[in-house]
Amino acid sequence: MKIIDNKGKIFGIINYLDLMVFLVVLLLVGKFYVLDNNENSKELLQSQANRELLLTYNVSGIKDISVNSVKEGDIFRDVETKSTLGEVVKVEVADHLMQTTDRDGKVIYSKVPERYDLRVTLKCKANITDRDIKISKVDIQIGRSMLIESRLIRFKSVIEGIEY
């Protein structure tokens, strides 16, 4: 009796390609079973899930009507995913400055009339892992530009700080 017959079956029972697919699926199922039942990974994920952090956004060069539309207690969300980011705990306003040079070539900062810089600090619940920080499935990194919105206003902002 041959191991592989003229129809391509092993011992006349199963096709060798079907056997290969079955073994690959069995290995994948085993791998996911081991990963899901690893107690150390479960404890790490649970200890870092829903950890509170402060996220600071910088919004540059906006008008006063936009500044006045942001109040403590407002809820902001990501425009792309519609996921809630957090609640406003601090609002800071400063004059918007533009970098220019004087006649001698020295760098000076000039105030732009009727324009302001806004720093909004949100209190958020985040999932923190070794690889990333996620708030409601949104990746958070310092320097990332995001479109965020509240009930009244939408801003293009840059993440300036993360504290946890």
C-alpha atoms as a PDB file:
ATOM      1  CA  MET A   1       0.000   0.000   0.000  1.00  0.00           C
ATOM      2  CA  LYS A   2       1.371   3.380  -1.008  1.00  0.00           C
ATOM      3  CA  ILE A   3       1.380   6.377   1.334  1.00  0.00           C
ATOM      4  CA  ILE A   4       0.032   8.700  -1.392  1.00  0.00           C
ATOM      5  CA  ASP A   5      -2.147   7.005  -4.017  1.00  0.00           C
ATOM      6  CA  ASN A   6      -2.707   8.079  -7.644  1.00  0.00           C
ATOM      7  CA  LYS A   7      -5.616  10.366  -6.580  1.00  0.00           C
ATOM      8  CA  GLY A   8      -3.342  12.357  -4.241  1.00  0.00           C
ATOM      9  CA  LYS A   9      -4.829  10.980  -1.020  1.00  0.00           C
ATOM     10  CA  ILE A  10      -2.792   9.945   1.998  1.00  0.00           C
ATOM     11  CA  PHE A  11      -3.509   6.280   2.819  1.00  0.00           C
ATOM     12  CA  GLY A  12      -6.526   6.630   0.520  1.00  0.00           C
ATOM     13  CA  ILE A  13      -8.359   8.731   3.157  1.00  0.00           C
ATOM     14  CA  ILE A  14      -7.554  12.458   2.899  1.00  0.00           C
ATOM     15  CA  ASN A  15      -6.032  14.718   0.273  1.00  0.00           C
ATOM     16  CA  TYR A  16      -2.605  16.040   1.343  1.00  0.00           C
ATOM     17  CA  LEU A  17      -3.608  19.685   0.624  1.00  0.00           C
ATOM     18  CA  ASP A  18      -6.660  19.315   2.857  1.00  0.00           C
ATOM     19  CA  LEU A  19      -4.425  17.861   5.561  1.00  0.00           C
ATOM     20  CA  MET A  20      -2.048  20.844   5.328  1.00  0.00           C
ATOM     21  CA  VAL A  21      -4.937  23.342   5.648  1.00  0.00           C
ATOM     22  CA  PHE A  22      -6.325  21.383   8.613  1.00  0.00           C
ATOM     23  CA  LEU A  23      -2.931  21.441  10.390  1.00  0.00           C
ATOM     24  CA  VAL A  24      -2.475  25.196   9.832  1.00  0.00           C
ATOM     25  CA  VAL A  25      -5.953  25.902  11.245  1.00  0.00           C
ATOM     26  CA  LEU A  26      -5.244  23.624  14.205  1.00  0.00           C
ATOM     27  CA  LEU A  27      -1.973  25.468  14.938  1.00  0.00           C
ATOM     28  CA  LEU A  28      -3.689  28.869  14.784  1.00  0.00           C
ATOM     29  CA  VAL A  29      -6.474  27.748  17.109  1.00  0.00           C
ATOM     30  CA  GLY A  30      -3.874  26.421  19.546  1.00  0.00           C
ATOM     31  CA  LYS A  31      -1.905  29.674  19.443  1.00  0.00           C
ATOM     32  CA  PHE A  32      -4.966  31.826  20.169  1.00  0.00           C
ATOM     33  CA  TYR A  33      -6.036  29.470  22.955  1.00  0.00           C
ATOM     34  CA  VAL A  34      -2.634  29.824  24.638  1.00  0.00           C
ATOM     35  CA  LEU A  35      -2.637  33.635  24.238  1.00  0.00           C
ATOM     36  CA  ASP A  36      -6.159  33.997  25.618  1.00  0.00           C
ATOM     37  CA  ASN A  37      -5.441  31.798  28.626  1.00  0.00           C
ATOM     38  CA  ASN A  38      -2.144  33.418  29.594  1.00  0.00           C
ATOM     39  CA  GLU A  39      -2.835  34.772  33.085  1.00  0.00           C
ATOM     40  CA  ASN A  40      -0.038  37.369  33.014  1.00  0.00           C
ATOM     41  CA  SER A  41      -1.382  39.076  29.876  1.00  0.00           C
ATOM     42  CA  LYS A  42      -4.907  39.202  31.332  1.00  0.00           C
ATOM     43  CA  GLU A  43      -3.682  40.824  34.554  1.00  0.00           C
ATOM     44  CA  LEU A  44      -1.612  43.402  32.642  1.00  0.00           C
ATOM     45  CA  LEU A  45      -4.533  44.362  30.415  1.00  0.00           C
ATOM     46  CA  GLN A  46      -6.944  44.618  33.338  1.00  0.00           C
ATOM     47  CA  SER A  47      -4.582  46.736  35.434  1.00  0.00           C
ATOM     48  CA  GLN A  48      -4.058  49.260  32.629  1.00  0.00           C
ATOM     49  CA  ALA A  49      -7.642  49.355  31.287  1.00  0.00           C
ATOM     50  CA  ASN A  50      -9.714  52.477  31.929  1.00  0.00           C
ATOM     51  CA  ARG A  51      -6.865  54.314  33.587  1.00  0.00           C
ATOM     52  CA  GLU A  52      -7.523  58.019  34.048  1.00  0.00           C
ATOM     53  CA  LEU A  53      -5.279  60.493  32.262  1.00  0.00           C
ATOM     54  CA  LEU A  54      -5.148  64.188  31.380  1.00  0.00           C
ATOM     55  CA  LEU A  55      -4.881  64.997  27.692  1.00  0.00           C
ATOM     56  CA  THR A  56      -3.939  68.534  26.597  1.00  0.00           C
ATOM     57  CA  TYR A  57      -4.902  69.840  23.154  1.00  0.00           C
ATOM     58  CA  ASN A  58      -3.590  73.024  21.565  1.00  0.00           C
ATOM     59  CA  VAL A  59      -5.832  74.943  19.154  1.00  0.00           C
ATOM     60  CA  SER A  60      -4.034  77.801  17.431  1.00  0.00           C
ATOM     61  CA  GLY A  61      -5.259  81.039  15.840  1.00  0.00           C
ATOM     62  CA  ILE A  62      -9.011  80.914  16.550  1.00  0.00           C
ATOM     63  CA  LYS A  63     -11.491  83.741  17.042  1.00  0.00           C
ATOM     64  CA  ASP A  64     -12.960  84.785  20.381  1.00  0.00           C
ATOM     65  CA  ILE A  65     -16.386  83.326  19.587  1.00  0.00           C
ATOM     66  CA  SER A  66     -14.751  79.907  19.301  1.00  0.00           C
ATOM     67  CA  VAL A  67     -12.845  80.416  22.551  1.00  0.00           C
ATOM     68  CA  ASN A  68     -16.052  81.364  24.364  1.00  0.00           C
ATOM     69  CA  SER A  69     -17.805  78.189  23.178  1.00  0.00           C
ATOM     70  CA  VAL A  70     -15.545  75.934  25.271  1.00  0.00           C
ATOM     71  CA  LYS A  71     -16.439  75.594  28.963  1.00  0.00           C
ATOM     72  CA  GLU A  72     -15.338  73.288  31.745  1.00  0.00           C
ATOM     73  CA  GLY A  73     -17.532  70.195  31.818  1.00  0.00           C
ATOM     74  CA  ASP A  74     -18.000  70.025  28.020  1.00  0.00           C
ATOM     75  CA  ILE A  75     -17.568  66.595  26.440  1.00  0.00           C
ATOM     76  CA  PHE A  76     -15.307  66.297  23.383  1.00  0.00           C
ATOM     77  CA  ARG A  77     -15.192  63.465  20.852  1.00  0.00           C
ATOM     78  CA  ASP A  78     -13.082  62.483  17.853  1.00  0.00           C
ATOM     79  CA  VAL A  79     -14.742  63.576  14.581  1.00  0.00           C
ATOM     80  CA  GLU A  80     -13.482  60.602  12.523  1.00  0.00           C
ATOM     81  CA  THR A  81     -14.648  57.808  14.809  1.00  0.00           C
ATOM     82  CA  LYS A  82     -17.337  59.684  16.796  1.00  0.00           C
ATOM     83  CA  SER A  83     -15.728  58.189  19.934  1.00  0.00           C
ATOM     84  CA  THR A  84     -15.931  60.139  23.180  1.00  0.00           C
ATOM     85  CA  LEU A  85     -12.537  61.428  24.300  1.00  0.00           C
ATOM     86  CA  GLY A  86     -13.262  63.088  27.643  1.00  0.00           C
ATOM     87  CA  GLU A  87     -14.517  65.977  29.731  1.00  0.00           C
ATOM     88  CA  VAL A  88     -12.951  69.454  29.780  1.00  0.00           C
ATOM     89  CA  VAL A  89     -11.314  70.161  33.152  1.00  0.00           C
ATOM     90  CA  LYS A  90      -9.194  73.200  32.245  1.00  0.00           C
ATOM     91  CA  VAL A  91      -9.312  75.930  29.589  1.00  0.00           C
ATOM     92  CA  GLU A  92      -6.402  78.332  29.018  1.00  0.00           C
ATOM     93  CA  VAL A  93      -6.462  81.221  26.529  1.00  0.00           C
ATOM     94  CA  ALA A  94      -3.484  83.220  25.249  1.00  0.00           C
ATOM     95  CA  ASP A  95      -2.936  85.773  22.505  1.00  0.00           C
ATOM     96  CA  HIS A  96      -1.932  84.251  19.175  1.00  0.00           C
ATOM     97  CA  LEU A  97       1.616  85.268  18.307  1.00  0.00           C
ATOM     98  CA  MET A  98       3.194  85.285  14.867  1.00  0.00           C
ATOM     99  CA  GLN A  99       6.955  85.049  14.368  1.00  0.00           C
ATOM    100  CA  THR A 100       8.390  87.852  12.218  1.00  0.00           C
ATOM    101  CA  THR A 101      11.612  89.800  11.881  1.00  0.00           C
ATOM    102  CA  ASP A 102      12.337  93.470  12.413  1.00  0.00           C
ATOM    103  CA  ARG A 103      14.416  95.702  10.132  1.00  0.00           C
ATOM    104  CA  ASP A 104      17.648  94.451  11.694  1.00  0.00           C
ATOM    105  CA  GLY A 105      16.735  90.802  11.024  1.00  0.00           C
ATOM    106  CA  LYS A 106      16.050  89.954  14.654  1.00  0.00           C
ATOM    107  CA  VAL A 107      13.203  87.548  15.341  1.00  0.00           C
ATOM    108  CA  ILE A 108      10.247  89.108  17.135  1.00  0.00           C
ATOM    109  CA  TYR A 109       6.802  87.831  18.030  1.00  0.00           C
ATOM    110  CA  SER A 110       3.845  89.992  17.081  1.00  0.00           C
ATOM    111  CA  LYS A 111       0.356  89.666  18.473  1.00  0.00           C
ATOM    112  CA  VAL A 112      -2.247  88.794  15.817  1.00  0.00           C
ATOM    113  CA  PRO A 113      -5.355  90.924  16.373  1.00  0.00           C
ATOM    114  CA  GLU A 114      -8.562  89.079  17.287  1.00  0.00           C
ATOM    115  CA  ARG A 115      -6.872  85.658  17.238  1.00  0.00           C
ATOM    116  CA  TYR A 116      -6.192  83.412  20.227  1.00  0.00           C
ATOM    117  CA  ASP A 117      -4.481  80.173  21.168  1.00  0.00           C
ATOM    118  CA  LEU A 118      -6.542  77.766  23.238  1.00  0.00           C
ATOM    119  CA  ARG A 119      -5.261  74.959  25.456  1.00  0.00           C
ATOM    120  CA  VAL A 120      -7.948  72.477  26.448  1.00  0.00           C
ATOM    121  CA  THR A 121      -7.248  69.789  29.049  1.00  0.00           C
ATOM    122  CA  LEU A 122      -9.530  66.747  29.000  1.00  0.00           C
ATOM    123  CA  LYS A 123      -9.974  64.126  31.708  1.00  0.00           C
ATOM    124  CA  CYS A 124     -10.123  60.790  29.867  1.00  0.00           C
ATOM    125  CA  LYS A 125     -10.321  57.047  30.478  1.00  0.00           C
ATOM    126  CA  ALA A 126      -7.650  55.238  28.462  1.00  0.00           C
ATOM    127  CA  ASN A 127      -6.369  51.750  27.794  1.00  0.00           C
ATOM    128  CA  ILE A 128      -2.603  51.895  28.196  1.00  0.00           C
ATOM    129  CA  THR A 129      -0.351  49.109  26.911  1.00  0.00           C
ATOM    130  CA  ASP A 130       3.363  48.832  26.198  1.00  0.00           C
ATOM    131  CA  ARG A 131       2.692  49.672  22.554  1.00  0.00           C
ATOM    132  CA  ASP A 132       0.069  52.437  22.620  1.00  0.00           C
ATOM    133  CA  ILE A 133      -2.510  54.557  24.420  1.00  0.00           C
ATOM    134  CA  LYS A 134      -6.102  54.283  23.240  1.00  0.00           C
ATOM    135  CA  ILE A 135      -9.128  56.289  24.236  1.00  0.00           C
ATOM    136  CA  SER A 136     -12.305  54.688  22.869  1.00  0.00           C
ATOM    137  CA  LYS A 137     -10.344  52.969  20.069  1.00  0.00           C
ATOM    138  CA  VAL A 138      -8.560  56.230  19.112  1.00  0.00           C
ATOM    139  CA  ASP A 139      -4.735  56.126  19.137  1.00  0.00           C
ATOM    140  CA  ILE A 140      -3.247  58.957  21.174  1.00  0.00           C
ATOM    141  CA  GLN A 141       0.283  60.324  20.625  1.00  0.00           C
ATOM    142  CA  ILE A 142       1.875  63.672  21.416  1.00  0.00           C
ATOM    143  CA  GLY A 143       2.075  65.788  18.263  1.00  0.00           C
ATOM    144  CA  ARG A 144      -0.835  64.061  16.552  1.00  0.00           C
ATOM    145  CA  SER A 145      -3.225  66.394  14.772  1.00  0.00           C
ATOM    146  CA  MET A 146      -6.884  65.586  15.384  1.00  0.00           C
ATOM    147  CA  LEU A 147     -10.260  67.007  14.507  1.00  0.00           C
ATOM    148  CA  ILE A 148     -12.248  67.147  17.761  1.00  0.00           C
ATOM    149  CA  GLU A 149     -15.722  68.433  18.487  1.00  0.00           C
ATOM    150  CA  SER A 150     -18.103  69.204  21.300  1.00  0.00           C
ATOM    151  CA  ARG A 151     -21.782  69.943  21.124  1.00  0.00           C
ATOM    152  CA  LEU A 152     -21.085  73.524  19.955  1.00  0.00           C
ATOM    153  CA  ILE A 153     -17.726  73.635  18.188  1.00  0.00           C
ATOM    154  CA  ARG A 154     -15.266  71.695  16.023  1.00  0.00           C
ATOM    155  CA  PHE A 155     -11.482  72.283  16.112  1.00  0.00           C
ATOM    156  CA  LYS A 156      -8.384  71.058  14.350  1.00  0.00           C
ATOM    157  CA  SER A 157      -6.071  70.527  17.291  1.00  0.00           C
ATOM    158  CA  VAL A 158      -2.700  69.047  18.191  1.00  0.00           C
ATOM    159  CA  ILE A 159      -2.082  66.838  21.232  1.00  0.00           C
ATOM    160  CA  GLU A 160       0.390  68.734  23.361  1.00  0.00           C
ATOM    161  CA  GLY A 161       0.570  66.693  26.559  1.00  0.00           C
ATOM    162  CA  ILE A 162      -0.390  63.388  28.161  1.00  0.00           C
ATOM    163  CA  GLU A 163      -0.277  62.957  31.948  1.00  0.00           C
ATOM    164  CA  TYR A 164      -1.154  59.773  33.837  1.00  0.00           C
END
